[in-house]
Structure formats: C-alpha cells, structure tokens
Amino acid sequence: MSAEAKSGFWLLPLLQGMRPRQWLKNLLVFAPMLAGHAVNAQTLTQSLLAFLVFSLCASSAYLLNDAQDVAADRLHPVKRLRPIAAGQLPLPVAYASSGLLVLAALLLSLQAGAVPAFFVAILGYFLLTLAYSLRLKRWLMVDIVTLAILYTLRILGGGASTGIALSFWLLTFSFFLFLSLALLKRHSELQNLRSRGKQRSHGRGYGIEDSLPIGMMGMNSAFLSVLIFALYFNSDNVIRLYKQPAYLFAIMPLLIFWLGRMWLLSFRGEVNEDPLLYVSRDPVSLAVIGISATLCVMGSL
C-alpha cells in the first residue's frame, strides 16, 4: 500500500481517536462571557478561539492517553473498539499526531488577541493532562481531583482569552460541581465493573468496594455546589448583573433535581459514559439546562 493510501486509510481512525464528541466539554470556555453578561463580537471571537485551542489540546491528550492505555483497552468490552486498541491507528501515527495537535494549540494560543494568560492556561492544561495520562490517573483520589481541575481550567481559559475577571462564586461553584461529576464518572465505572462480575478496574486504584464512599463524596460535593449557588444571591454580582434576581432562585430546585437524578441513575448503573456526554443526549438534562438558561435571561431583563 502506498504512503498516500495509508494516510487516507488512517484519516478516519485518526479523527475517531481525536474524539470530536468530547469537544462538547470545551463549551465551558463560553461560561465567563455568559456569566459576566459580556457577549459582544470581540469576546465571542476570543471564546471561539479558546474553544478551538482547547479542542486541539484535548484531542492531543486523548490520542496520547489511548496510546498509553492500549494494552488495558484491549481487555475492555467497549474501549477495545477504539481505533488504537483495535489496530486501526498505528501507535507511531497516534504519537506523532498528538504532538502536532498540541503544538498547533500552543501556537494558536499565542495569536493576536489572545492574552499571555491564555497561553499559560493552555500550557498548564496540557501539562496536567500529560501528567494525568502518564501517572495521575492511577493514583487513588488524585485522578478525581485532577479531572475536576481540568474542567475548571476550561473556564479559567475562557476568562483568560477574553480578559474577563472570574468571580470567586463561579470558580467555587464550578469546582465542586465538576468534582461531583468526576466522582460520578468513577462511580459509574465501578457500577459497570460490578455488573460484569469483576472486582477491580485495570490500571486504576479502585475496586467495587469503593463504590459507596465515592458515591457519598460525590453527592456531598453536588449539594455543596448547590449551597454555594444559593449563597451567590447575596453577592454584589447579582445586584450588578441581574435586574430581577428572584428568577435565579428557581434554578436552585432544578439543580437539586438534576444532580439527585444523575446520582440515582449512576447507582442504578444507567450512566454508561462520561457524565457530560451523557447529559448531551439526555432529554431531561437538556430540558433542565434550557429552563435554567431561560431563567437567567429573564432575570437580567
């Protein structure tokens, strides 16, 4: 097979290995612009740039992670179908593509209009994902805290790219919410492990006996994030940004409903993928997001 034919043969597996559906997580970079009511042409352009850069960087990390985990993935009932584990994407191509993607991300972050703080955020995100892929994902609880930080870094990157100062409330609420979702991810994996009759996850520091304490920590983090959201009503930001802040109060029971439902589904073993991806195709979750966004708009009018 010629080099041209081989490159064409690898193109689709490479795109699959980049996991474009996971780019949905990078929509978090728009949070500072929306939360700060700073929607204009400049902030939208910078947020779009941040979304592209984070997506390239994340895809680089996914390829690297899959290349590192190829042996374990081949033993997994679902992950064995990933391009690298299935033998559709050669390891040298995966490693080379991962390097090129992160290089493109770092160069784009230095382009005109992107402040230096954004480059620092992207570099920190990549180094942390690299550490996660190589070592941190194998350490008990360290992997969960790292995932929560990586989610929060997307919001920090969105603020850095637009120059919007992030409030204490947004960062604190985000961290505890993402900590709950990271714990939910591990809890769901353990529930699925139990359903397959296995005791321990390969390459991780968890066994099915950890399911209950992880669930307890996750639910506590979830409702702590709701408490932080409730305290937000006493902040100066609410008075400054919202003409009718009472509408925001209605979001609180929606958050309690949504987080409680997600955890109940996890205990039932019905969350079979990354929680944020599950949300992206769950009609109930999408309805909650839509109603919450509408309440925010009504409160600002």
C-alpha atoms as a PDB file:
ATOM      1  CA  MET A   1       0.000   0.000   0.000  1.00  0.00           C
ATOM      2  CA  SER A   2       1.377   3.441  -0.949  1.00  0.00           C
ATOM      3  CA  ALA A   3       2.036   6.158   1.614  1.00  0.00           C
ATOM      4  CA  GLU A   4      -0.855   8.191   0.181  1.00  0.00           C
ATOM      5  CA  ALA A   5      -3.241   5.252   0.506  1.00  0.00           C
ATOM      6  CA  LYS A   6      -2.076   4.551   4.032  1.00  0.00           C
ATOM      7  CA  SER A   7      -2.584   8.174   5.081  1.00  0.00           C
ATOM      8  CA  GLY A   8      -6.096   8.084   3.667  1.00  0.00           C
ATOM      9  CA  PHE A   9      -6.769   4.788   5.425  1.00  0.00           C
ATOM     10  CA  TRP A  10      -5.661   6.281   8.768  1.00  0.00           C
ATOM     11  CA  LEU A  11      -7.614   9.533   8.387  1.00  0.00           C
ATOM     12  CA  LEU A  12     -10.976   8.293   9.682  1.00  0.00           C
ATOM     13  CA  PRO A  13      -9.492   6.291  12.608  1.00  0.00           C
ATOM     14  CA  LEU A  14      -7.391   9.352  13.484  1.00  0.00           C
ATOM     15  CA  LEU A  15     -10.487  11.552  13.547  1.00  0.00           C
ATOM     16  CA  GLN A  16     -12.274   8.978  15.704  1.00  0.00           C
ATOM     17  CA  GLY A  17      -9.268   8.825  18.029  1.00  0.00           C
ATOM     18  CA  MET A  18      -9.429  12.609  18.443  1.00  0.00           C
ATOM     19  CA  ARG A  19     -12.929  12.099  19.915  1.00  0.00           C
ATOM     20  CA  PRO A  20     -14.650  15.204  18.490  1.00  0.00           C
ATOM     21  CA  ARG A  21     -17.754  14.459  20.567  1.00  0.00           C
ATOM     22  CA  GLN A  22     -15.665  15.156  23.666  1.00  0.00           C
ATOM     23  CA  TRP A  23     -15.203  18.719  22.429  1.00  0.00           C
ATOM     24  CA  LEU A  24     -18.621  19.437  23.942  1.00  0.00           C
ATOM     25  CA  LYS A  25     -16.805  19.800  27.277  1.00  0.00           C
ATOM     26  CA  ASN A  26     -14.885  22.739  25.848  1.00  0.00           C
ATOM     27  CA  LEU A  27     -18.091  24.758  25.602  1.00  0.00           C
ATOM     28  CA  LEU A  28     -17.224  25.641  29.198  1.00  0.00           C
ATOM     29  CA  VAL A  29     -14.891  28.327  27.813  1.00  0.00           C
ATOM     30  CA  PHE A  30     -18.002  30.366  26.993  1.00  0.00           C
ATOM     31  CA  ALA A  31     -19.065  30.423  30.670  1.00  0.00           C
ATOM     32  CA  PRO A  32     -17.126  33.600  31.668  1.00  0.00           C
ATOM     33  CA  MET A  33     -18.556  35.543  28.731  1.00  0.00           C
ATOM     34  CA  LEU A  34     -22.116  34.427  29.515  1.00  0.00           C
ATOM     35  CA  ALA A  35     -21.856  34.686  33.313  1.00  0.00           C
ATOM     36  CA  GLY A  36     -20.325  38.159  33.033  1.00  0.00           C
ATOM     37  CA  HIS A  37     -23.000  39.346  30.556  1.00  0.00           C
ATOM     38  CA  ALA A  38     -20.176  40.372  28.222  1.00  0.00           C
ATOM     39  CA  VAL A  39     -21.458  38.983  24.923  1.00  0.00           C
ATOM     40  CA  ASN A  40     -20.065  41.006  22.028  1.00  0.00           C
ATOM     41  CA  ALA A  41     -18.145  40.400  18.807  1.00  0.00           C
ATOM     42  CA  GLN A  42     -14.723  40.531  20.471  1.00  0.00           C
ATOM     43  CA  THR A  43     -15.471  38.234  23.407  1.00  0.00           C
ATOM     44  CA  LEU A  44     -17.317  35.821  21.120  1.00  0.00           C
ATOM     45  CA  THR A  45     -14.336  35.659  18.749  1.00  0.00           C
ATOM     46  CA  GLN A  46     -11.912  35.099  21.612  1.00  0.00           C
ATOM     47  CA  SER A  47     -14.141  32.441  23.166  1.00  0.00           C
ATOM     48  CA  LEU A  48     -14.345  30.637  19.822  1.00  0.00           C
ATOM     49  CA  LEU A  49     -10.543  30.734  19.620  1.00  0.00           C
ATOM     50  CA  ALA A  50     -10.339  29.316  23.126  1.00  0.00           C
ATOM     51  CA  PHE A  51     -12.788  26.563  22.166  1.00  0.00           C
ATOM     52  CA  LEU A  52     -10.659  25.604  19.146  1.00  0.00           C
ATOM     53  CA  VAL A  53      -7.409  25.631  21.120  1.00  0.00           C
ATOM     54  CA  PHE A  54      -8.820  23.548  23.974  1.00  0.00           C
ATOM     55  CA  SER A  55     -10.314  21.088  21.472  1.00  0.00           C
ATOM     56  CA  LEU A  56      -6.959  20.587  19.733  1.00  0.00           C
ATOM     57  CA  CYS A  57      -5.202  20.205  23.073  1.00  0.00           C
ATOM     58  CA  ALA A  58      -7.830  17.773  24.372  1.00  0.00           C
ATOM     59  CA  SER A  59      -7.607  15.648  21.203  1.00  0.00           C
ATOM     60  CA  SER A  60      -3.845  15.501  21.629  1.00  0.00           C
ATOM     61  CA  ALA A  61      -4.370  14.230  25.170  1.00  0.00           C
ATOM     62  CA  TYR A  62      -6.949  11.630  24.077  1.00  0.00           C
ATOM     63  CA  LEU A  63      -4.590  10.193  21.471  1.00  0.00           C
ATOM     64  CA  LEU A  64      -1.744  10.092  23.974  1.00  0.00           C
ATOM     65  CA  ASN A  65      -3.943   8.523  26.646  1.00  0.00           C
ATOM     66  CA  ASP A  66      -5.234   5.824  24.284  1.00  0.00           C
ATOM     67  CA  ALA A  67      -1.701   5.078  23.098  1.00  0.00           C
ATOM     68  CA  GLN A  68      -0.559   4.683  26.715  1.00  0.00           C
ATOM     69  CA  ASP A  69      -3.572   2.523  27.642  1.00  0.00           C
ATOM     70  CA  VAL A  70      -3.658   0.324  24.546  1.00  0.00           C
ATOM     71  CA  ALA A  71      -2.991  -2.925  26.446  1.00  0.00           C
ATOM     72  CA  ALA A  72      -5.685  -2.266  29.062  1.00  0.00           C
ATOM     73  CA  ASP A  73      -8.173  -1.005  26.462  1.00  0.00           C
ATOM     74  CA  ARG A  74      -7.915  -4.269  24.525  1.00  0.00           C
ATOM     75  CA  LEU A  75      -9.270  -6.065  27.593  1.00  0.00           C
ATOM     76  CA  HIS A  76     -12.220  -3.676  27.995  1.00  0.00           C
ATOM     77  CA  PRO A  77     -15.573  -4.608  26.355  1.00  0.00           C
ATOM     78  CA  VAL A  78     -16.094  -1.091  24.938  1.00  0.00           C
ATOM     79  CA  LYS A  79     -12.665   0.560  24.839  1.00  0.00           C
ATOM     80  CA  ARG A  80     -11.275  -2.324  22.739  1.00  0.00           C
ATOM     81  CA  LEU A  81     -13.187  -0.799  19.826  1.00  0.00           C
ATOM     82  CA  ARG A  82     -11.187   2.437  19.952  1.00  0.00           C
ATOM     83  CA  PRO A  83      -9.003   2.934  16.827  1.00  0.00           C
ATOM     84  CA  ILE A  84      -5.640   2.370  18.521  1.00  0.00           C
ATOM     85  CA  ALA A  85      -6.768  -0.631  20.576  1.00  0.00           C
ATOM     86  CA  ALA A  86      -8.479  -2.118  17.510  1.00  0.00           C
ATOM     87  CA  GLY A  87      -5.273  -1.809  15.471  1.00  0.00           C
ATOM     88  CA  GLN A  88      -6.783   0.679  13.006  1.00  0.00           C
ATOM     89  CA  LEU A  89      -4.452   3.505  14.014  1.00  0.00           C
ATOM     90  CA  PRO A  90      -0.737   2.662  14.405  1.00  0.00           C
ATOM     91  CA  LEU A  91       0.957   3.833  17.584  1.00  0.00           C
ATOM     92  CA  PRO A  92       3.609   5.948  15.741  1.00  0.00           C
ATOM     93  CA  VAL A  93       0.854   7.822  13.894  1.00  0.00           C
ATOM     94  CA  ALA A  94      -1.035   8.397  17.149  1.00  0.00           C
ATOM     95  CA  TYR A  95       2.038   9.741  18.966  1.00  0.00           C
ATOM     96  CA  ALA A  96       3.040  11.981  16.045  1.00  0.00           C
ATOM     97  CA  SER A  97      -0.495  13.340  15.659  1.00  0.00           C
ATOM     98  CA  SER A  98      -0.712  14.021  19.389  1.00  0.00           C
ATOM     99  CA  GLY A  99       2.485  16.086  19.247  1.00  0.00           C
ATOM    100  CA  LEU A 100       1.348  18.067  16.200  1.00  0.00           C
ATOM    101  CA  LEU A 101      -2.038  18.835  17.733  1.00  0.00           C
ATOM    102  CA  VAL A 102      -0.626  20.220  20.976  1.00  0.00           C
ATOM    103  CA  LEU A 103       1.943  22.240  19.030  1.00  0.00           C
ATOM    104  CA  ALA A 104      -0.860  23.749  16.917  1.00  0.00           C
ATOM    105  CA  ALA A 105      -2.837  24.519  20.093  1.00  0.00           C
ATOM    106  CA  LEU A 106       0.084  26.306  21.754  1.00  0.00           C
ATOM    107  CA  LEU A 107       0.869  28.320  18.618  1.00  0.00           C
ATOM    108  CA  LEU A 108      -2.772  29.345  18.188  1.00  0.00           C
ATOM    109  CA  SER A 109      -2.950  30.463  21.810  1.00  0.00           C
ATOM    110  CA  LEU A 110      -0.197  32.985  21.040  1.00  0.00           C
ATOM    111  CA  GLN A 111      -2.010  34.531  18.090  1.00  0.00           C
ATOM    112  CA  ALA A 112      -3.103  38.169  18.045  1.00  0.00           C
ATOM    113  CA  GLY A 113      -5.826  38.916  20.543  1.00  0.00           C
ATOM    114  CA  ALA A 114      -5.054  36.001  22.862  1.00  0.00           C
ATOM    115  CA  VAL A 115      -3.550  37.445  26.040  1.00  0.00           C
ATOM    116  CA  PRO A 116      -0.437  35.768  27.551  1.00  0.00           C
ATOM    117  CA  ALA A 117      -2.523  34.394  30.436  1.00  0.00           C
ATOM    118  CA  PHE A 118      -4.381  32.227  27.931  1.00  0.00           C
ATOM    119  CA  PHE A 119      -1.112  30.610  26.786  1.00  0.00           C
ATOM    120  CA  VAL A 120      -0.289  29.884  30.435  1.00  0.00           C
ATOM    121  CA  ALA A 121      -3.741  28.319  30.926  1.00  0.00           C
ATOM    122  CA  ILE A 122      -3.349  26.119  27.839  1.00  0.00           C
ATOM    123  CA  LEU A 123       0.176  25.088  28.791  1.00  0.00           C
ATOM    124  CA  GLY A 124      -0.990  24.244  32.309  1.00  0.00           C
ATOM    125  CA  TYR A 125      -3.922  22.275  30.904  1.00  0.00           C
ATOM    126  CA  PHE A 126      -1.666  20.253  28.607  1.00  0.00           C
ATOM    127  CA  LEU A 127       0.950  19.534  31.283  1.00  0.00           C
ATOM    128  CA  LEU A 128      -1.749  18.412  33.694  1.00  0.00           C
ATOM    129  CA  THR A 129      -3.384  16.175  31.081  1.00  0.00           C
ATOM    130  CA  LEU A 130       0.057  14.746  30.283  1.00  0.00           C
ATOM    131  CA  ALA A 131       0.673  14.025  33.959  1.00  0.00           C
ATOM    132  CA  TYR A 132      -2.800  12.500  34.197  1.00  0.00           C
ATOM    133  CA  SER A 133      -2.194  10.197  31.229  1.00  0.00           C
ATOM    134  CA  LEU A 134       1.229   9.071  32.401  1.00  0.00           C
ATOM    135  CA  ARG A 135       0.729   8.722  36.141  1.00  0.00           C
ATOM    136  CA  LEU A 136      -2.025  10.594  37.991  1.00  0.00           C
ATOM    137  CA  LYS A 137      -4.933   8.508  36.674  1.00  0.00           C
ATOM    138  CA  ARG A 138      -3.527   5.517  38.577  1.00  0.00           C
ATOM    139  CA  TRP A 139      -3.479   7.264  41.970  1.00  0.00           C
ATOM    140  CA  LEU A 140      -6.411   6.964  44.349  1.00  0.00           C
ATOM    141  CA  MET A 141      -8.487  10.191  44.505  1.00  0.00           C
ATOM    142  CA  VAL A 142      -5.698  12.168  42.801  1.00  0.00           C
ATOM    143  CA  ASP A 143      -7.238  11.279  39.439  1.00  0.00           C
ATOM    144  CA  ILE A 144     -10.656  12.566  40.531  1.00  0.00           C
ATOM    145  CA  VAL A 145      -9.346  15.894  41.827  1.00  0.00           C
ATOM    146  CA  THR A 146      -7.288  16.250  38.635  1.00  0.00           C
ATOM    147  CA  LEU A 147     -10.391  15.775  36.466  1.00  0.00           C
ATOM    148  CA  ALA A 148     -12.218  18.471  38.462  1.00  0.00           C
ATOM    149  CA  ILE A 149      -9.274  20.841  37.987  1.00  0.00           C
ATOM    150  CA  LEU A 150      -9.147  20.126  34.239  1.00  0.00           C
ATOM    151  CA  TYR A 151     -12.826  21.031  33.912  1.00  0.00           C
ATOM    152  CA  THR A 152     -12.257  24.235  35.885  1.00  0.00           C
ATOM    153  CA  LEU A 153      -9.222  25.114  33.754  1.00  0.00           C
ATOM    154  CA  ARG A 154     -11.523  25.361  30.753  1.00  0.00           C
ATOM    155  CA  ILE A 155     -13.438  28.129  32.499  1.00  0.00           C
ATOM    156  CA  LEU A 156     -10.186  29.810  33.555  1.00  0.00           C
ATOM    157  CA  GLY A 157      -9.027  29.594  29.937  1.00  0.00           C
ATOM    158  CA  GLY A 158     -12.249  31.191  28.727  1.00  0.00           C
ATOM    159  CA  GLY A 159     -11.736  34.051  31.163  1.00  0.00           C
ATOM    160  CA  ALA A 160      -8.073  34.449  30.183  1.00  0.00           C
ATOM    161  CA  SER A 161      -8.839  34.506  26.447  1.00  0.00           C
ATOM    162  CA  THR A 162     -11.446  37.260  26.819  1.00  0.00           C
ATOM    163  CA  GLY A 163      -9.849  39.202  29.663  1.00  0.00           C
ATOM    164  CA  ILE A 164     -12.978  38.739  31.790  1.00  0.00           C
ATOM    165  CA  ALA A 165     -12.281  38.566  35.523  1.00  0.00           C
ATOM    166  CA  LEU A 166     -13.761  35.436  37.068  1.00  0.00           C
ATOM    167  CA  SER A 167     -15.760  35.713  40.252  1.00  0.00           C
ATOM    168  CA  PHE A 168     -14.998  33.698  43.372  1.00  0.00           C
ATOM    169  CA  TRP A 169     -18.543  32.321  43.210  1.00  0.00           C
ATOM    170  CA  LEU A 170     -18.246  30.996  39.652  1.00  0.00           C
ATOM    171  CA  LEU A 171     -14.934  29.250  40.307  1.00  0.00           C
ATOM    172  CA  THR A 172     -16.019  27.733  43.632  1.00  0.00           C
ATOM    173  CA  PHE A 173     -19.377  26.570  42.290  1.00  0.00           C
ATOM    174  CA  SER A 174     -17.692  25.139  39.184  1.00  0.00           C
ATOM    175  CA  PHE A 175     -15.024  23.237  41.097  1.00  0.00           C
ATOM    176  CA  PHE A 176     -17.455  21.463  43.435  1.00  0.00           C
ATOM    177  CA  LEU A 177     -19.887  20.746  40.599  1.00  0.00           C
ATOM    178  CA  PHE A 178     -17.120  19.240  38.462  1.00  0.00           C
ATOM    179  CA  LEU A 179     -15.744  17.359  41.456  1.00  0.00           C
ATOM    180  CA  SER A 180     -19.160  15.742  41.814  1.00  0.00           C
ATOM    181  CA  LEU A 181     -19.226  14.867  38.104  1.00  0.00           C
ATOM    182  CA  ALA A 182     -15.685  13.420  38.268  1.00  0.00           C
ATOM    183  CA  LEU A 183     -16.761  11.257  41.204  1.00  0.00           C
ATOM    184  CA  LEU A 184     -19.889  10.310  39.246  1.00  0.00           C
ATOM    185  CA  LYS A 185     -17.690   9.170  36.365  1.00  0.00           C
ATOM    186  CA  ARG A 186     -15.661   6.863  38.618  1.00  0.00           C
ATOM    187  CA  HIS A 187     -18.782   5.648  40.425  1.00  0.00           C
ATOM    188  CA  SER A 188     -20.449   4.721  37.138  1.00  0.00           C
ATOM    189  CA  GLU A 189     -17.341   2.845  36.027  1.00  0.00           C
ATOM    190  CA  LEU A 190     -17.360   0.835  39.257  1.00  0.00           C
ATOM    191  CA  GLN A 191     -21.069   0.087  38.901  1.00  0.00           C
ATOM    192  CA  ASN A 192     -20.457  -1.187  35.379  1.00  0.00           C
ATOM    193  CA  LEU A 193     -17.495  -3.209  36.678  1.00  0.00           C
ATOM    194  CA  ARG A 194     -19.749  -4.828  39.261  1.00  0.00           C
ATOM    195  CA  SER A 195     -22.329  -5.705  36.599  1.00  0.00           C
ATOM    196  CA  ARG A 196     -19.608  -7.555  34.645  1.00  0.00           C
ATOM    197  CA  GLY A 197     -18.668  -9.584  37.711  1.00  0.00           C
ATOM    198  CA  LYS A 198     -15.231  -8.018  38.138  1.00  0.00           C
ATOM    199  CA  GLN A 199     -13.652  -6.724  41.345  1.00  0.00           C
ATOM    200  CA  ARG A 200     -11.071  -4.113  40.329  1.00  0.00           C
ATOM    201  CA  SER A 201     -10.529  -1.679  37.489  1.00  0.00           C
ATOM    202  CA  HIS A 202      -7.429  -2.326  35.372  1.00  0.00           C
ATOM    203  CA  GLY A 203      -4.789   0.388  35.730  1.00  0.00           C
ATOM    204  CA  ARG A 204      -6.830   2.321  38.324  1.00  0.00           C
ATOM    205  CA  GLY A 205      -6.683   2.434  42.079  1.00  0.00           C
ATOM    206  CA  TYR A 206     -10.303   1.408  42.678  1.00  0.00           C
ATOM    207  CA  GLY A 207     -12.327  -1.705  43.411  1.00  0.00           C
ATOM    208  CA  ILE A 208     -16.068  -2.234  43.606  1.00  0.00           C
ATOM    209  CA  GLU A 209     -15.859  -1.861  47.405  1.00  0.00           C
ATOM    210  CA  ASP A 210     -15.063   1.836  46.797  1.00  0.00           C
ATOM    211  CA  SER A 211     -18.377   2.476  45.061  1.00  0.00           C
ATOM    212  CA  LEU A 212     -20.270   3.551  48.200  1.00  0.00           C
ATOM    213  CA  PRO A 213     -17.703   6.037  49.616  1.00  0.00           C
ATOM    214  CA  ILE A 214     -17.201   7.547  46.166  1.00  0.00           C
ATOM    215  CA  GLY A 215     -20.961   7.926  45.858  1.00  0.00           C
ATOM    216  CA  MET A 216     -21.162   9.601  49.269  1.00  0.00           C
ATOM    217  CA  MET A 217     -18.402  12.068  48.405  1.00  0.00           C
ATOM    218  CA  GLY A 218     -19.981  12.768  45.033  1.00  0.00           C
ATOM    219  CA  MET A 219     -23.431  13.520  46.434  1.00  0.00           C
ATOM    220  CA  ASN A 220     -21.930  15.731  49.151  1.00  0.00           C
ATOM    221  CA  SER A 221     -19.981  17.675  46.502  1.00  0.00           C
ATOM    222  CA  ALA A 222     -23.114  18.010  44.394  1.00  0.00           C
ATOM    223  CA  PHE A 223     -25.221  19.548  47.118  1.00  0.00           C
ATOM    224  CA  LEU A 224     -22.336  21.675  48.350  1.00  0.00           C
ATOM    225  CA  SER A 225     -22.262  23.233  44.880  1.00  0.00           C
ATOM    226  CA  VAL A 226     -25.991  23.976  45.244  1.00  0.00           C
ATOM    227  CA  LEU A 227     -25.328  25.654  48.596  1.00  0.00           C
ATOM    228  CA  ILE A 228     -22.627  27.824  47.001  1.00  0.00           C
ATOM    229  CA  PHE A 229     -25.097  28.750  44.265  1.00  0.00           C
ATOM    230  CA  ALA A 230     -27.627  29.772  46.947  1.00  0.00           C
ATOM    231  CA  LEU A 231     -25.040  31.961  48.700  1.00  0.00           C
ATOM    232  CA  TYR A 232     -24.408  33.650  45.358  1.00  0.00           C
ATOM    233  CA  PHE A 233     -27.678  35.527  45.831  1.00  0.00           C
ATOM    234  CA  ASN A 234     -26.016  37.691  48.489  1.00  0.00           C
ATOM    235  CA  SER A 235     -23.124  38.697  46.244  1.00  0.00           C
ATOM    236  CA  ASP A 236     -22.605  42.084  44.615  1.00  0.00           C
ATOM    237  CA  ASN A 237     -22.518  40.365  41.208  1.00  0.00           C
ATOM    238  CA  VAL A 238     -26.211  39.506  41.403  1.00  0.00           C
ATOM    239  CA  ILE A 239     -27.216  43.094  42.142  1.00  0.00           C
ATOM    240  CA  ARG A 240     -24.963  44.391  39.377  1.00  0.00           C
ATOM    241  CA  LEU A 241     -25.855  41.892  36.657  1.00  0.00           C
ATOM    242  CA  TYR A 242     -29.494  40.955  37.300  1.00  0.00           C
ATOM    243  CA  LYS A 243     -32.478  43.305  37.425  1.00  0.00           C
ATOM    244  CA  GLN A 244     -34.766  40.566  38.727  1.00  0.00           C
ATOM    245  CA  PRO A 245     -32.538  38.149  40.673  1.00  0.00           C
ATOM    246  CA  ALA A 246     -35.552  36.288  42.086  1.00  0.00           C
ATOM    247  CA  TYR A 247     -35.645  34.308  38.838  1.00  0.00           C
ATOM    248  CA  LEU A 248     -32.264  32.812  39.730  1.00  0.00           C
ATOM    249  CA  PHE A 249     -33.741  31.300  42.883  1.00  0.00           C
ATOM    250  CA  ALA A 250     -35.854  28.990  40.713  1.00  0.00           C
ATOM    251  CA  ILE A 251     -32.652  27.457  39.326  1.00  0.00           C
ATOM    252  CA  MET A 252     -31.758  26.028  42.739  1.00  0.00           C
ATOM    253  CA  PRO A 253     -34.508  23.345  42.873  1.00  0.00           C
ATOM    254  CA  LEU A 254     -33.690  22.479  39.263  1.00  0.00           C
ATOM    255  CA  LEU A 255     -30.059  21.871  40.250  1.00  0.00           C
ATOM    256  CA  ILE A 256     -31.130  19.702  43.186  1.00  0.00           C
ATOM    257  CA  PHE A 257     -33.448  17.700  40.920  1.00  0.00           C
ATOM    258  CA  TRP A 258     -30.840  17.260  38.177  1.00  0.00           C
ATOM    259  CA  LEU A 259     -27.915  16.306  40.415  1.00  0.00           C
ATOM    260  CA  GLY A 260     -30.052  13.960  42.504  1.00  0.00           C
ATOM    261  CA  ARG A 261     -31.386  12.286  39.368  1.00  0.00           C
ATOM    262  CA  MET A 262     -27.891  11.845  37.909  1.00  0.00           C
ATOM    263  CA  TRP A 263     -26.653  10.154  41.070  1.00  0.00           C
ATOM    264  CA  LEU A 264     -29.687   7.892  41.315  1.00  0.00           C
ATOM    265  CA  LEU A 265     -29.134   6.819  37.699  1.00  0.00           C
ATOM    266  CA  SER A 266     -25.487   6.131  38.477  1.00  0.00           C
ATOM    267  CA  PHE A 267     -26.426   3.887  41.403  1.00  0.00           C
ATOM    268  CA  ARG A 268     -28.750   2.051  39.029  1.00  0.00           C
ATOM    269  CA  GLY A 269     -25.865   1.566  36.580  1.00  0.00           C
ATOM    270  CA  GLU A 270     -27.559   3.621  33.859  1.00  0.00           C
ATOM    271  CA  VAL A 271     -24.827   6.226  33.291  1.00  0.00           C
ATOM    272  CA  ASN A 272     -22.591   4.292  30.924  1.00  0.00           C
ATOM    273  CA  GLU A 273     -20.266   7.057  29.729  1.00  0.00           C
ATOM    274  CA  ASP A 274     -18.692  10.353  30.705  1.00  0.00           C
ATOM    275  CA  PRO A 275     -21.388  12.307  32.614  1.00  0.00           C
ATOM    276  CA  LEU A 276     -21.113  15.427  30.445  1.00  0.00           C
ATOM    277  CA  LEU A 277     -21.529  13.339  27.292  1.00  0.00           C
ATOM    278  CA  TYR A 278     -24.464  11.541  28.884  1.00  0.00           C
ATOM    279  CA  VAL A 279     -26.040  14.935  29.584  1.00  0.00           C
ATOM    280  CA  SER A 280     -25.579  15.981  25.950  1.00  0.00           C
ATOM    281  CA  ARG A 281     -28.105  13.387  24.796  1.00  0.00           C
ATOM    282  CA  ASP A 282     -30.319  13.084  27.865  1.00  0.00           C
ATOM    283  CA  PRO A 283     -33.628  14.921  27.176  1.00  0.00           C
ATOM    284  CA  VAL A 284     -34.282  15.618  30.860  1.00  0.00           C
ATOM    285  CA  SER A 285     -30.834  17.150  31.396  1.00  0.00           C
ATOM    286  CA  LEU A 286     -31.152  19.249  28.250  1.00  0.00           C
ATOM    287  CA  ALA A 287     -34.564  20.479  29.413  1.00  0.00           C
ATOM    288  CA  VAL A 288     -33.104  21.498  32.790  1.00  0.00           C
ATOM    289  CA  ILE A 289     -30.283  23.383  31.043  1.00  0.00           C
ATOM    290  CA  GLY A 290     -32.745  25.110  28.729  1.00  0.00           C
ATOM    291  CA  ILE A 291     -35.067  26.175  31.553  1.00  0.00           C
ATOM    292  CA  SER A 292     -32.130  27.401  33.671  1.00  0.00           C
ATOM    293  CA  ALA A 293     -30.780  29.462  30.756  1.00  0.00           C
ATOM    294  CA  THR A 294     -34.242  30.962  30.213  1.00  0.00           C
ATOM    295  CA  LEU A 295     -34.476  31.920  33.895  1.00  0.00           C
ATOM    296  CA  CYS A 296     -31.077  33.624  33.699  1.00  0.00           C
ATOM    297  CA  VAL A 297     -32.204  35.644  30.690  1.00  0.00           C
ATOM    298  CA  MET A 298     -35.490  36.603  32.367  1.00  0.00           C
ATOM    299  CA  GLY A 299     -33.611  37.689  35.479  1.00  0.00           C
ATOM    300  CA  SER A 300     -31.382  40.004  33.506  1.00  0.00           C
ATOM    301  CA  LEU A 301     -34.195  41.741  31.602  1.00  0.00           C
END
